[in-house]
Each structure stands twice: as C-alpha cells, then as structure tokens.
C-alpha cells in the first residue's frame, strides 16, 4: 500500500473522530452550563455579606494561587506562575504583580498588617510555586511560617529536573525564606485548626512506590472543613501519577472540589469522583482547556457544575454559618 493511500485512509479515520470529539465536547459544556446555574456566582463586593470563612481562587490563567481566610487570618496554598518560568524559552509575563496586589488588598490582619499566617507549596512545579519568590522577597508581605516538603529527585522525572529546573526553583524559594528568617517546616502536619476551619493535609509523605512518577506525585492535597461543608484542594493529584487511587477513600465525601492538575490529562477519574462525591467543581484554568474526557467525567458522570477561575476572573467560595457554600466572582 503506497503512502498516499495510507494518508488518505488515516484522514478518513482521524477527521471524523476529531469532529465527533469536538461535538461531544460542545454538548458536554452546554449541559455543564445548565448545571452551573444552580450555584451561579454573583460579583464579589468584599463587604463580607456572606461571612469571613472563605477560599479565594485567584485568576492566574492555568496555575494555582489559593488563599484561605478565616476570622481575619490568611494562609496561601500555592502562589501561581511567576515571570521567569524555566520551561518557557521566550519572554513571558507571569502573575507576580496581580498576586501581590491581591494579597495587599485582601490579606490585612487586625493590626492593619499585610500578613499570611503560613504559606504552603503543594509541590515544586513552577505554575504552583513560581510567584513565591516575588511574594517572599517583598518585605511589605509578612509571613509567619512556610510548609514545604523536602525536594526529592527520586520522585521527579528526569526532564523535570534537567529542563524544567524544579530543583533550582525550590532551592531559590528556600533561600528566600532563610534570608528573611521565616521558619520553614519540612514536616507537614496531618491536621491543624485555622480560624473556623479545620485543615487536613494528604500525601504529607510521598510513598516510595511513586518514585519516578513525576513531581505531581508529591502533591499535597488539602481538605478544608467547616461544620458539615468541606472542600478539597487537589493540587496536581491525578490518577496517572498514582495518587487518586491511594487517596480517594481517605479523603471521603466533600462538597467542593478544586480539580486536580487544572483539568488536564489523568485528573478526575470516575473512581476518584465516586469516592469524593462533590457537588461543585472549580478549575484553575480556562473551561475550554479542560481535557474532553475530564469534562465528560465531571459533567456527564458526576453531574457537576464547573466554574473556571479564568472565565470568572477569580472565584471566592464562602462557607457561611448556615452550612452553605456561596460562590462569588470577578474578584480582581
């Protein structure tokens, strides 16, 4: 069979397949938009009309920057992508200015200081911890403590170290913290109280059987609990890195899921969703960038509304005193 005929057959197969995926993806989004009306966000006013126990999901495109707030206390879980990602070969503007401006606008303690009780890096990918360099070196931002696992090269894939320089990114942040005499804890507690919230930490020690599965396998997941309502911040936890099967049953039922790995390949398997049974999904990305099979699992399998931080210009989930989660958007 000559090459022209092979190409023609391949075209006949691939083009209809891609068209079918595209149509199914559109249909899934339409259905998802219908579900989303159940918790449709209203514009954030920062008047605290729903309470002061909140999770802020910042709009940093397809990176994670999350602030937990309760009773005038603030903590940061990941910081978004900075301006100097080693993976990018061309100039790229990250979100350092936007993230720092937001912190200075919102994270004001009862002494009038810009202050984070603690910061945490879920793992060493630049789209999660890249902005920490700018935050830590800004002396107008007070930081009480920093939680970071020790970097383990055995977990990472070779290209993550050789091309993405995740070890260098990590070391820079630890040096920044040391230069400001900010306490660094390499021990991650399993549970702490934080205002009205209880925070539970998962994968605090990466299992050795996940060595070589990539830095996503080091992801620390955080369960946020107030009364009968819970959220799970899934960092880059995926089935493909081996964490979803290990953690699903341990996490248990939740109400709000911050989708793992920005909705990319390997996240939000049906088995994982069945363990968690969430009612709301938030993705730190553009809705259109979520992989079609992940969208299908979330919307068609679990009947979940998905709210994208990019499309909503950031989202705040407020846990009110009536055991409700209220979503507001346009927070920047």
C-alpha atoms as a PDB file:
ATOM      1  CA  UNK A   1       0.000   0.000   0.000  1.00  0.00           C
ATOM      2  CA  UNK A   2       1.554   3.339  -1.047  1.00  0.00           C
ATOM      3  CA  UNK A   3       1.982   6.309   1.280  1.00  0.00           C
ATOM      4  CA  UNK A   4      -0.716   8.411  -0.431  1.00  0.00           C
ATOM      5  CA  UNK A   5      -3.334   5.743   0.191  1.00  0.00           C
ATOM      6  CA  UNK A   6      -2.237   5.339   3.812  1.00  0.00           C
ATOM      7  CA  UNK A   7      -2.521   9.103   4.381  1.00  0.00           C
ATOM      8  CA  UNK A   8      -5.968   9.131   2.779  1.00  0.00           C
ATOM      9  CA  UNK A   9      -7.238   6.303   4.994  1.00  0.00           C
ATOM     10  CA  UNK A  10      -5.751   7.965   8.062  1.00  0.00           C
ATOM     11  CA  UNK A  11      -7.511  11.211   7.149  1.00  0.00           C
ATOM     12  CA  UNK A  12     -10.848   9.403   6.758  1.00  0.00           C
ATOM     13  CA  UNK A  13     -10.436   7.976  10.258  1.00  0.00           C
ATOM     14  CA  UNK A  14      -8.913  10.942  12.110  1.00  0.00           C
ATOM     15  CA  UNK A  15     -11.093  13.781  10.776  1.00  0.00           C
ATOM     16  CA  UNK A  16     -14.470  12.192  11.678  1.00  0.00           C
ATOM     17  CA  UNK A  17     -13.058  11.138  15.054  1.00  0.00           C
ATOM     18  CA  UNK A  18     -11.896  14.690  15.841  1.00  0.00           C
ATOM     19  CA  UNK A  19     -15.229  16.087  14.677  1.00  0.00           C
ATOM     20  CA  UNK A  20     -17.090  13.665  16.958  1.00  0.00           C
ATOM     21  CA  UNK A  21     -14.910  14.630  19.936  1.00  0.00           C
ATOM     22  CA  UNK A  22     -15.488  18.319  19.184  1.00  0.00           C
ATOM     23  CA  UNK A  23     -19.282  17.867  19.019  1.00  0.00           C
ATOM     24  CA  UNK A  24     -19.329  15.815  22.226  1.00  0.00           C
ATOM     25  CA  UNK A  25     -17.185  18.431  23.961  1.00  0.00           C
ATOM     26  CA  UNK A  26     -19.588  21.213  22.985  1.00  0.00           C
ATOM     27  CA  UNK A  27     -22.575  19.152  24.132  1.00  0.00           C
ATOM     28  CA  UNK A  28     -20.850  18.467  27.454  1.00  0.00           C
ATOM     29  CA  UNK A  29     -20.164  22.188  28.002  1.00  0.00           C
ATOM     30  CA  UNK A  30     -23.782  23.089  27.201  1.00  0.00           C
ATOM     31  CA  UNK A  31     -25.018  20.564  29.754  1.00  0.00           C
ATOM     32  CA  UNK A  32     -22.404  21.776  32.241  1.00  0.00           C
ATOM     33  CA  UNK A  33     -23.602  25.367  31.839  1.00  0.00           C
ATOM     34  CA  UNK A  34     -27.088  24.180  32.763  1.00  0.00           C
ATOM     35  CA  UNK A  35     -25.773  22.616  35.983  1.00  0.00           C
ATOM     36  CA  UNK A  36     -23.718  25.754  36.722  1.00  0.00           C
ATOM     37  CA  UNK A  37     -26.857  27.863  37.098  1.00  0.00           C
ATOM     38  CA  UNK A  38     -27.547  26.087  40.404  1.00  0.00           C
ATOM     39  CA  UNK A  39     -24.653  27.942  42.075  1.00  0.00           C
ATOM     40  CA  UNK A  40     -24.291  30.846  39.695  1.00  0.00           C
ATOM     41  CA  UNK A  41     -21.709  33.257  41.173  1.00  0.00           C
ATOM     42  CA  UNK A  42     -22.560  36.885  41.829  1.00  0.00           C
ATOM     43  CA  UNK A  43     -19.940  39.648  41.685  1.00  0.00           C
ATOM     44  CA  UNK A  44     -17.748  39.871  44.775  1.00  0.00           C
ATOM     45  CA  UNK A  45     -18.154  43.104  46.743  1.00  0.00           C
ATOM     46  CA  UNK A  46     -15.652  42.422  49.567  1.00  0.00           C
ATOM     47  CA  UNK A  47     -18.340  43.519  52.002  1.00  0.00           C
ATOM     48  CA  UNK A  48     -18.273  40.131  53.770  1.00  0.00           C
ATOM     49  CA  UNK A  49     -22.043  39.877  53.481  1.00  0.00           C
ATOM     50  CA  UNK A  50     -21.811  36.064  53.447  1.00  0.00           C
ATOM     51  CA  UNK A  51     -19.191  35.721  56.178  1.00  0.00           C
ATOM     52  CA  UNK A  52     -15.416  35.710  56.577  1.00  0.00           C
ATOM     53  CA  UNK A  53     -14.642  31.992  56.162  1.00  0.00           C
ATOM     54  CA  UNK A  54     -13.531  31.942  52.558  1.00  0.00           C
ATOM     55  CA  UNK A  55     -11.360  30.260  49.955  1.00  0.00           C
ATOM     56  CA  UNK A  56     -10.035  32.646  47.289  1.00  0.00           C
ATOM     57  CA  UNK A  57      -9.219  31.033  43.942  1.00  0.00           C
ATOM     58  CA  UNK A  58      -7.219  33.669  42.083  1.00  0.00           C
ATOM     59  CA  UNK A  59      -7.264  34.035  38.317  1.00  0.00           C
ATOM     60  CA  UNK A  60      -3.708  33.212  37.272  1.00  0.00           C
ATOM     61  CA  UNK A  61      -4.649  31.607  33.936  1.00  0.00           C
ATOM     62  CA  UNK A  62      -3.764  27.916  34.219  1.00  0.00           C
ATOM     63  CA  UNK A  63      -1.865  27.988  37.502  1.00  0.00           C
ATOM     64  CA  UNK A  64      -2.824  27.605  41.171  1.00  0.00           C
ATOM     65  CA  UNK A  65      -2.905  30.542  43.607  1.00  0.00           C
ATOM     66  CA  UNK A  66      -5.289  29.976  46.520  1.00  0.00           C
ATOM     67  CA  UNK A  67      -5.821  31.926  49.746  1.00  0.00           C
ATOM     68  CA  UNK A  68      -7.653  30.516  52.758  1.00  0.00           C
ATOM     69  CA  UNK A  69      -9.237  33.130  55.021  1.00  0.00           C
ATOM     70  CA  UNK A  70     -10.975  32.722  58.369  1.00  0.00           C
ATOM     71  CA  UNK A  71     -11.675  35.244  61.134  1.00  0.00           C
ATOM     72  CA  UNK A  72      -9.143  37.726  59.822  1.00  0.00           C
ATOM     73  CA  UNK A  73      -6.391  35.151  59.355  1.00  0.00           C
ATOM     74  CA  UNK A  74      -4.906  34.272  55.973  1.00  0.00           C
ATOM     75  CA  UNK A  75      -2.877  31.405  54.529  1.00  0.00           C
ATOM     76  CA  UNK A  76      -1.678  30.776  51.000  1.00  0.00           C
ATOM     77  CA  UNK A  77      -1.750  27.437  49.198  1.00  0.00           C
ATOM     78  CA  UNK A  78       0.445  27.779  46.104  1.00  0.00           C
ATOM     79  CA  UNK A  79       1.169  31.144  44.523  1.00  0.00           C
ATOM     80  CA  UNK A  80       0.648  30.877  40.758  1.00  0.00           C
ATOM     81  CA  UNK A  81       3.158  31.217  37.952  1.00  0.00           C
ATOM     82  CA  UNK A  82       5.884  33.838  38.241  1.00  0.00           C
ATOM     83  CA  UNK A  83       7.600  35.775  35.467  1.00  0.00           C
ATOM     84  CA  UNK A  84      10.659  33.550  34.981  1.00  0.00           C
ATOM     85  CA  UNK A  85       9.454  30.041  34.255  1.00  0.00           C
ATOM     86  CA  UNK A  86      12.498  27.957  33.195  1.00  0.00           C
ATOM     87  CA  UNK A  87      10.221  25.932  30.895  1.00  0.00           C
ATOM     88  CA  UNK A  88       9.465  28.952  28.707  1.00  0.00           C
ATOM     89  CA  UNK A  89      12.034  29.753  26.017  1.00  0.00           C
ATOM     90  CA  UNK A  90      10.522  33.142  25.159  1.00  0.00           C
ATOM     91  CA  UNK A  91       9.654  36.133  27.323  1.00  0.00           C
ATOM     92  CA  UNK A  92       6.517  35.531  29.323  1.00  0.00           C
ATOM     93  CA  UNK A  93       4.610  37.676  31.762  1.00  0.00           C
ATOM     94  CA  UNK A  94       3.547  35.702  34.796  1.00  0.00           C
ATOM     95  CA  UNK A  95       1.228  36.866  37.550  1.00  0.00           C
ATOM     96  CA  UNK A  96       3.554  38.236  40.204  1.00  0.00           C
ATOM     97  CA  UNK A  97       2.063  41.754  40.171  1.00  0.00           C
ATOM     98  CA  UNK A  98      -1.544  40.530  40.194  1.00  0.00           C
ATOM     99  CA  UNK A  99      -0.981  38.070  43.045  1.00  0.00           C
ATOM    100  CA  UNK A 100       0.955  40.517  45.243  1.00  0.00           C
ATOM    101  CA  UNK A 101      -1.601  43.282  44.635  1.00  0.00           C
ATOM    102  CA  UNK A 102      -4.380  40.911  45.650  1.00  0.00           C
ATOM    103  CA  UNK A 103      -2.568  39.888  48.834  1.00  0.00           C
ATOM    104  CA  UNK A 104      -2.017  43.530  49.773  1.00  0.00           C
ATOM    105  CA  UNK A 105      -5.658  44.343  49.092  1.00  0.00           C
ATOM    106  CA  UNK A 106      -7.205  41.415  50.967  1.00  0.00           C
ATOM    107  CA  UNK A 107      -4.821  39.848  53.496  1.00  0.00           C
ATOM    108  CA  UNK A 108      -4.943  42.537  56.187  1.00  0.00           C
ATOM    109  CA  UNK A 109      -4.900  41.319  59.789  1.00  0.00           C
ATOM    110  CA  UNK A 110      -6.422  43.013  62.834  1.00  0.00           C
ATOM    111  CA  UNK A 111      -3.231  45.066  63.274  1.00  0.00           C
ATOM    112  CA  UNK A 112      -3.595  46.503  59.776  1.00  0.00           C
ATOM    113  CA  UNK A 113      -0.636  44.474  58.518  1.00  0.00           C
ATOM    114  CA  UNK A 114      -0.425  42.526  55.274  1.00  0.00           C
ATOM    115  CA  UNK A 115       0.167  39.120  56.797  1.00  0.00           C
ATOM    116  CA  UNK A 116      -0.007  35.448  55.839  1.00  0.00           C
ATOM    117  CA  UNK A 117      -0.037  33.093  58.837  1.00  0.00           C
ATOM    118  CA  UNK A 118       1.549  30.460  56.647  1.00  0.00           C
ATOM    119  CA  UNK A 119       2.314  29.621  53.058  1.00  0.00           C
ATOM    120  CA  UNK A 120       2.438  26.127  51.560  1.00  0.00           C
ATOM    121  CA  UNK A 121       3.826  24.792  48.320  1.00  0.00           C
ATOM    122  CA  UNK A 122       1.829  21.771  47.205  1.00  0.00           C
ATOM    123  CA  UNK A 123       4.711  20.579  45.007  1.00  0.00           C
ATOM    124  CA  UNK A 124       7.660  22.030  43.083  1.00  0.00           C
ATOM    125  CA  UNK A 125       6.144  22.842  39.696  1.00  0.00           C
ATOM    126  CA  UNK A 126       6.631  26.474  38.714  1.00  0.00           C
ATOM    127  CA  UNK A 127       2.942  27.026  37.935  1.00  0.00           C
ATOM    128  CA  UNK A 128       2.256  26.339  41.625  1.00  0.00           C
ATOM    129  CA  UNK A 129       5.167  27.939  43.468  1.00  0.00           C
ATOM    130  CA  UNK A 130       6.749  30.318  40.925  1.00  0.00           C
ATOM    131  CA  UNK A 131       5.258  33.505  42.404  1.00  0.00           C
ATOM    132  CA  UNK A 132       6.559  32.700  45.886  1.00  0.00           C
ATOM    133  CA  UNK A 133       9.945  34.240  45.032  1.00  0.00           C
ATOM    134  CA  UNK A 134       8.308  37.636  44.423  1.00  0.00           C
ATOM    135  CA  UNK A 135       5.995  37.320  47.452  1.00  0.00           C
ATOM    136  CA  UNK A 136       8.701  36.284  49.909  1.00  0.00           C
ATOM    137  CA  UNK A 137      11.166  38.963  48.773  1.00  0.00           C
ATOM    138  CA  UNK A 138       8.508  41.678  49.130  1.00  0.00           C
ATOM    139  CA  UNK A 139       9.122  42.843  52.693  1.00  0.00           C
ATOM    140  CA  UNK A 140       5.702  44.507  52.850  1.00  0.00           C
ATOM    141  CA  UNK A 141       4.184  40.997  52.991  1.00  0.00           C
ATOM    142  CA  UNK A 142       4.570  39.388  56.408  1.00  0.00           C
ATOM    143  CA  UNK A 143       4.789  35.587  56.547  1.00  0.00           C
ATOM    144  CA  UNK A 144       4.613  33.572  59.766  1.00  0.00           C
ATOM    145  CA  UNK A 145       5.708  30.153  58.549  1.00  0.00           C
ATOM    146  CA  UNK A 146       6.299  28.145  55.386  1.00  0.00           C
ATOM    147  CA  UNK A 147       5.432  24.492  54.756  1.00  0.00           C
ATOM    148  CA  UNK A 148       7.402  22.746  52.020  1.00  0.00           C
ATOM    149  CA  UNK A 149       8.273  19.108  51.650  1.00  0.00           C
ATOM    150  CA  UNK A 150      11.951  18.487  51.047  1.00  0.00           C
ATOM    151  CA  UNK A 151      12.561  18.148  47.318  1.00  0.00           C
ATOM    152  CA  UNK A 152      13.062  14.508  46.302  1.00  0.00           C
ATOM    153  CA  UNK A 153      14.749  13.998  42.941  1.00  0.00           C
ATOM    154  CA  UNK A 154      13.795  10.300  43.011  1.00  0.00           C
ATOM    155  CA  UNK A 155      10.103  11.195  42.639  1.00  0.00           C
ATOM    156  CA  UNK A 156      10.676  13.602  39.744  1.00  0.00           C
ATOM    157  CA  UNK A 157      11.074  12.643  36.127  1.00  0.00           C
ATOM    158  CA  UNK A 158      14.446  13.445  34.559  1.00  0.00           C
ATOM    159  CA  UNK A 159      13.087  16.196  32.294  1.00  0.00           C
ATOM    160  CA  UNK A 160      11.501  17.976  35.268  1.00  0.00           C
ATOM    161  CA  UNK A 161      14.963  18.497  36.736  1.00  0.00           C
ATOM    162  CA  UNK A 162      17.025  18.825  33.571  1.00  0.00           C
ATOM    163  CA  UNK A 163      14.662  21.042  31.528  1.00  0.00           C
ATOM    164  CA  UNK A 164      12.151  22.490  33.987  1.00  0.00           C
ATOM    165  CA  UNK A 165      14.764  23.121  36.729  1.00  0.00           C
ATOM    166  CA  UNK A 166      12.269  22.360  39.502  1.00  0.00           C
ATOM    167  CA  UNK A 167      15.089  21.730  41.976  1.00  0.00           C
ATOM    168  CA  UNK A 168      16.531  25.190  41.288  1.00  0.00           C
ATOM    169  CA  UNK A 169      13.107  26.815  41.676  1.00  0.00           C
ATOM    170  CA  UNK A 170      12.643  25.050  45.011  1.00  0.00           C
ATOM    171  CA  UNK A 171      16.109  25.978  46.276  1.00  0.00           C
ATOM    172  CA  UNK A 172      15.598  29.637  45.354  1.00  0.00           C
ATOM    173  CA  UNK A 173      12.400  29.790  47.415  1.00  0.00           C
ATOM    174  CA  UNK A 174      14.008  28.091  50.437  1.00  0.00           C
ATOM    175  CA  UNK A 175      16.915  30.557  50.218  1.00  0.00           C
ATOM    176  CA  UNK A 176      14.442  33.461  50.048  1.00  0.00           C
ATOM    177  CA  UNK A 177      12.734  32.200  53.208  1.00  0.00           C
ATOM    178  CA  UNK A 178      16.040  31.746  55.025  1.00  0.00           C
ATOM    179  CA  UNK A 179      17.169  35.245  54.024  1.00  0.00           C
ATOM    180  CA  UNK A 180      14.077  36.678  55.714  1.00  0.00           C
ATOM    181  CA  UNK A 181      14.394  34.373  58.735  1.00  0.00           C
ATOM    182  CA  UNK A 182      10.968  32.881  58.039  1.00  0.00           C
ATOM    183  CA  UNK A 183      10.527  29.484  59.672  1.00  0.00           C
ATOM    184  CA  UNK A 184      10.487  26.613  57.170  1.00  0.00           C
ATOM    185  CA  UNK A 185       8.788  23.381  58.216  1.00  0.00           C
ATOM    186  CA  UNK A 186       9.598  20.325  56.117  1.00  0.00           C
ATOM    187  CA  UNK A 187       7.206  18.363  58.308  1.00  0.00           C
ATOM    188  CA  UNK A 188       3.618  18.731  57.078  1.00  0.00           C
ATOM    189  CA  UNK A 189       1.059  18.129  59.856  1.00  0.00           C
ATOM    190  CA  UNK A 190      -1.899  15.917  59.119  1.00  0.00           C
ATOM    191  CA  UNK A 191      -4.397  18.365  60.657  1.00  0.00           C
ATOM    192  CA  UNK A 192      -4.480  21.925  62.000  1.00  0.00           C
ATOM    193  CA  UNK A 193      -7.141  24.402  63.132  1.00  0.00           C
ATOM    194  CA  UNK A 194      -7.278  27.668  61.229  1.00  0.00           C
ATOM    195  CA  UNK A 195      -9.931  30.075  62.466  1.00  0.00           C
ATOM    196  CA  UNK A 196     -13.298  28.368  61.947  1.00  0.00           C
ATOM    197  CA  UNK A 197     -11.740  25.910  59.505  1.00  0.00           C
ATOM    198  CA  UNK A 198     -10.090  22.580  60.119  1.00  0.00           C
ATOM    199  CA  UNK A 199      -7.414  21.821  57.532  1.00  0.00           C
ATOM    200  CA  UNK A 200      -6.436  18.220  56.807  1.00  0.00           C
ATOM    201  CA  UNK A 201      -3.344  17.514  54.711  1.00  0.00           C
ATOM    202  CA  UNK A 202      -2.968  14.466  52.475  1.00  0.00           C
ATOM    203  CA  UNK A 203       0.154  12.914  50.927  1.00  0.00           C
ATOM    204  CA  UNK A 204       2.315  14.637  53.522  1.00  0.00           C
ATOM    205  CA  UNK A 205       4.962  11.979  52.830  1.00  0.00           C
ATOM    206  CA  UNK A 206       5.222  10.815  49.230  1.00  0.00           C
ATOM    207  CA  UNK A 207       5.075   6.991  49.066  1.00  0.00           C
ATOM    208  CA  UNK A 208       8.310   5.498  47.768  1.00  0.00           C
ATOM    209  CA  UNK A 209       6.346   3.362  45.305  1.00  0.00           C
ATOM    210  CA  UNK A 210       5.591   6.586  43.398  1.00  0.00           C
ATOM    211  CA  UNK A 211       9.281   7.325  42.778  1.00  0.00           C
ATOM    212  CA  UNK A 212       9.761   8.156  39.120  1.00  0.00           C
ATOM    213  CA  UNK A 213       6.087   9.054  38.610  1.00  0.00           C
ATOM    214  CA  UNK A 214       6.852  12.781  38.419  1.00  0.00           C
ATOM    215  CA  UNK A 215       6.608  15.753  40.752  1.00  0.00           C
ATOM    216  CA  UNK A 216       2.797  15.672  40.595  1.00  0.00           C
ATOM    217  CA  UNK A 217       3.033  12.548  42.748  1.00  0.00           C
ATOM    218  CA  UNK A 218       4.421  14.780  45.530  1.00  0.00           C
ATOM    219  CA  UNK A 219       1.279  16.951  45.522  1.00  0.00           C
ATOM    220  CA  UNK A 220      -0.123  17.812  48.941  1.00  0.00           C
ATOM    221  CA  UNK A 221      -3.927  17.845  48.946  1.00  0.00           C
ATOM    222  CA  UNK A 222      -5.817  19.950  51.491  1.00  0.00           C
ATOM    223  CA  UNK A 223      -9.277  19.250  52.859  1.00  0.00           C
ATOM    224  CA  UNK A 224     -10.963  22.381  54.219  1.00  0.00           C
ATOM    225  CA  UNK A 225     -13.762  21.743  56.718  1.00  0.00           C
ATOM    226  CA  UNK A 226     -16.326  23.982  58.392  1.00  0.00           C
ATOM    227  CA  UNK A 227     -19.351  22.367  60.023  1.00  0.00           C
ATOM    228  CA  UNK A 228     -20.943  19.988  57.529  1.00  0.00           C
ATOM    229  CA  UNK A 229     -19.302  21.575  54.470  1.00  0.00           C
ATOM    230  CA  UNK A 230     -15.948  20.548  53.022  1.00  0.00           C
ATOM    231  CA  UNK A 231     -13.719  21.395  50.101  1.00  0.00           C
ATOM    232  CA  UNK A 232     -10.748  19.516  48.707  1.00  0.00           C
ATOM    233  CA  UNK A 233      -7.884  21.357  47.016  1.00  0.00           C
ATOM    234  CA  UNK A 234      -6.411  18.691  44.777  1.00  0.00           C
ATOM    235  CA  UNK A 235      -3.193  20.455  43.658  1.00  0.00           C
ATOM    236  CA  UNK A 236      -1.945  18.283  40.740  1.00  0.00           C
ATOM    237  CA  UNK A 237      -3.279  14.996  42.114  1.00  0.00           C
ATOM    238  CA  UNK A 238      -4.118  12.673  39.229  1.00  0.00           C
ATOM    239  CA  UNK A 239      -4.814   9.042  38.520  1.00  0.00           C
ATOM    240  CA  UNK A 240      -1.878   8.927  36.101  1.00  0.00           C
ATOM    241  CA  UNK A 241       0.678   9.837  38.792  1.00  0.00           C
ATOM    242  CA  UNK A 242      -0.797   7.209  41.124  1.00  0.00           C
ATOM    243  CA  UNK A 243      -2.267   9.468  43.812  1.00  0.00           C
ATOM    244  CA  UNK A 244      -6.004   9.319  43.096  1.00  0.00           C
ATOM    245  CA  UNK A 245      -6.263   5.561  43.826  1.00  0.00           C
ATOM    246  CA  UNK A 246      -4.226   5.995  47.034  1.00  0.00           C
ATOM    247  CA  UNK A 247      -6.126   8.990  48.416  1.00  0.00           C
ATOM    248  CA  UNK A 248      -9.740   8.728  47.259  1.00  0.00           C
ATOM    249  CA  UNK A 249     -11.099   6.613  50.098  1.00  0.00           C
ATOM    250  CA  UNK A 250      -9.063   8.530  52.700  1.00  0.00           C
ATOM    251  CA  UNK A 251     -10.468  11.890  51.613  1.00  0.00           C
ATOM    252  CA  UNK A 252     -14.100  10.757  51.616  1.00  0.00           C
ATOM    253  CA  UNK A 253     -17.175  12.848  50.809  1.00  0.00           C
ATOM    254  CA  UNK A 254     -16.711  16.538  50.037  1.00  0.00           C
ATOM    255  CA  UNK A 255     -18.871  19.367  48.720  1.00  0.00           C
ATOM    256  CA  UNK A 256     -16.418  21.383  46.614  1.00  0.00           C
ATOM    257  CA  UNK A 257     -13.550  20.041  44.524  1.00  0.00           C
ATOM    258  CA  UNK A 258     -10.684  22.153  43.242  1.00  0.00           C
ATOM    259  CA  UNK A 259      -9.981  19.948  40.236  1.00  0.00           C
ATOM    260  CA  UNK A 260      -6.542  18.349  40.140  1.00  0.00           C
ATOM    261  CA  UNK A 261      -3.950  19.344  37.522  1.00  0.00           C
ATOM    262  CA  UNK A 262      -6.082  22.126  36.031  1.00  0.00           C
ATOM    263  CA  UNK A 263      -8.346  19.585  34.340  1.00  0.00           C
ATOM    264  CA  UNK A 264      -5.536  18.132  32.232  1.00  0.00           C
ATOM    265  CA  UNK A 265      -4.834  14.516  31.331  1.00  0.00           C
ATOM    266  CA  UNK A 266      -5.080  11.981  34.126  1.00  0.00           C
ATOM    267  CA  UNK A 267      -7.169  14.028  36.551  1.00  0.00           C
ATOM    268  CA  UNK A 268     -10.686  13.472  37.911  1.00  0.00           C
ATOM    269  CA  UNK A 269     -11.130   9.796  37.129  1.00  0.00           C
ATOM    270  CA  UNK A 270     -14.609   8.375  37.651  1.00  0.00           C
ATOM    271  CA  UNK A 271     -13.298   6.231  40.522  1.00  0.00           C
ATOM    272  CA  UNK A 272     -11.885   9.283  42.296  1.00  0.00           C
ATOM    273  CA  UNK A 273     -15.073  11.294  41.778  1.00  0.00           C
ATOM    274  CA  UNK A 274     -17.157   8.414  43.128  1.00  0.00           C
ATOM    275  CA  UNK A 275     -15.056   8.425  46.318  1.00  0.00           C
ATOM    276  CA  UNK A 276     -15.429  12.186  46.832  1.00  0.00           C
ATOM    277  CA  UNK A 277     -18.993  12.804  45.567  1.00  0.00           C
ATOM    278  CA  UNK A 278     -18.526  16.575  45.153  1.00  0.00           C
ATOM    279  CA  UNK A 279     -21.381  18.947  44.321  1.00  0.00           C
ATOM    280  CA  UNK A 280     -19.303  21.826  42.921  1.00  0.00           C
ATOM    281  CA  UNK A 281     -16.095  21.828  40.861  1.00  0.00           C
ATOM    282  CA  UNK A 282     -13.686  24.733  40.447  1.00  0.00           C
ATOM    283  CA  UNK A 283     -10.882  24.582  37.909  1.00  0.00           C
ATOM    284  CA  UNK A 284      -7.850  26.878  37.908  1.00  0.00           C
ATOM    285  CA  UNK A 285      -7.890  27.249  34.156  1.00  0.00           C
ATOM    286  CA  UNK A 286      -9.992  28.252  31.174  1.00  0.00           C
ATOM    287  CA  UNK A 287     -13.030  25.978  30.786  1.00  0.00           C
ATOM    288  CA  UNK A 288     -12.089  25.357  27.164  1.00  0.00           C
ATOM    289  CA  UNK A 289      -8.689  23.971  28.153  1.00  0.00           C
ATOM    290  CA  UNK A 290     -10.038  21.117  30.274  1.00  0.00           C
ATOM    291  CA  UNK A 291      -9.451  17.810  28.516  1.00  0.00           C
ATOM    292  CA  UNK A 292     -12.658  16.475  26.913  1.00  0.00           C
ATOM    293  CA  UNK A 293     -12.566  13.170  28.813  1.00  0.00           C
ATOM    294  CA  UNK A 294     -12.091  15.024  32.119  1.00  0.00           C
ATOM    295  CA  UNK A 295     -15.028  17.303  31.304  1.00  0.00           C
ATOM    296  CA  UNK A 296     -17.081  14.231  30.482  1.00  0.00           C
ATOM    297  CA  UNK A 297     -16.237  12.599  33.819  1.00  0.00           C
ATOM    298  CA  UNK A 298     -17.094  15.734  35.770  1.00  0.00           C
ATOM    299  CA  UNK A 299     -20.262  16.723  33.949  1.00  0.00           C
ATOM    300  CA  UNK A 300     -21.755  13.584  32.441  1.00  0.00           C
ATOM    301  CA  UNK A 301     -20.639  11.065  35.085  1.00  0.00           C
ATOM    302  CA  UNK A 302     -20.864  13.173  38.250  1.00  0.00           C
ATOM    303  CA  UNK A 303     -23.372  15.854  37.131  1.00  0.00           C
ATOM    304  CA  UNK A 304     -21.051  18.588  38.379  1.00  0.00           C
ATOM    305  CA  UNK A 305     -21.181  22.285  37.566  1.00  0.00           C
ATOM    306  CA  UNK A 306     -17.673  23.528  36.697  1.00  0.00           C
ATOM    307  CA  UNK A 307     -16.582  27.085  37.443  1.00  0.00           C
ATOM    308  CA  UNK A 308     -13.341  28.225  35.808  1.00  0.00           C
ATOM    309  CA  UNK A 309     -11.203  30.876  37.503  1.00  0.00           C
ATOM    310  CA  UNK A 310     -10.120  32.284  34.127  1.00  0.00           C
ATOM    311  CA  UNK A 311     -13.654  32.675  32.794  1.00  0.00           C
ATOM    312  CA  UNK A 312     -14.912  34.123  36.102  1.00  0.00           C
ATOM    313  CA  UNK A 313     -11.895  36.386  36.753  1.00  0.00           C
ATOM    314  CA  UNK A 314     -11.310  34.579  40.031  1.00  0.00           C
ATOM    315  CA  UNK A 315     -13.763  32.944  42.422  1.00  0.00           C
ATOM    316  CA  UNK A 316     -14.349  33.098  46.176  1.00  0.00           C
ATOM    317  CA  UNK A 317     -16.134  30.234  47.939  1.00  0.00           C
ATOM    318  CA  UNK A 318     -17.590  31.488  51.230  1.00  0.00           C
ATOM    319  CA  UNK A 319     -18.616  28.965  53.875  1.00  0.00           C
ATOM    320  CA  UNK A 320     -21.435  30.743  55.691  1.00  0.00           C
ATOM    321  CA  UNK A 321     -22.842  29.942  59.135  1.00  0.00           C
ATOM    322  CA  UNK A 322     -25.880  28.171  57.642  1.00  0.00           C
ATOM    323  CA  UNK A 323     -23.810  25.318  56.184  1.00  0.00           C
ATOM    324  CA  UNK A 324     -23.913  26.735  52.661  1.00  0.00           C
ATOM    325  CA  UNK A 325     -21.166  27.478  50.168  1.00  0.00           C
ATOM    326  CA  UNK A 326     -21.711  30.760  48.338  1.00  0.00           C
ATOM    327  CA  UNK A 327     -19.706  31.486  45.166  1.00  0.00           C
ATOM    328  CA  UNK A 328     -18.755  34.991  44.081  1.00  0.00           C
ATOM    329  CA  UNK A 329     -16.630  36.001  41.101  1.00  0.00           C
ATOM    330  CA  UNK A 330     -14.854  38.923  39.401  1.00  0.00           C
ATOM    331  CA  UNK A 331     -12.573  39.236  42.415  1.00  0.00           C
ATOM    332  CA  UNK A 332      -9.633  41.008  40.742  1.00  0.00           C
END
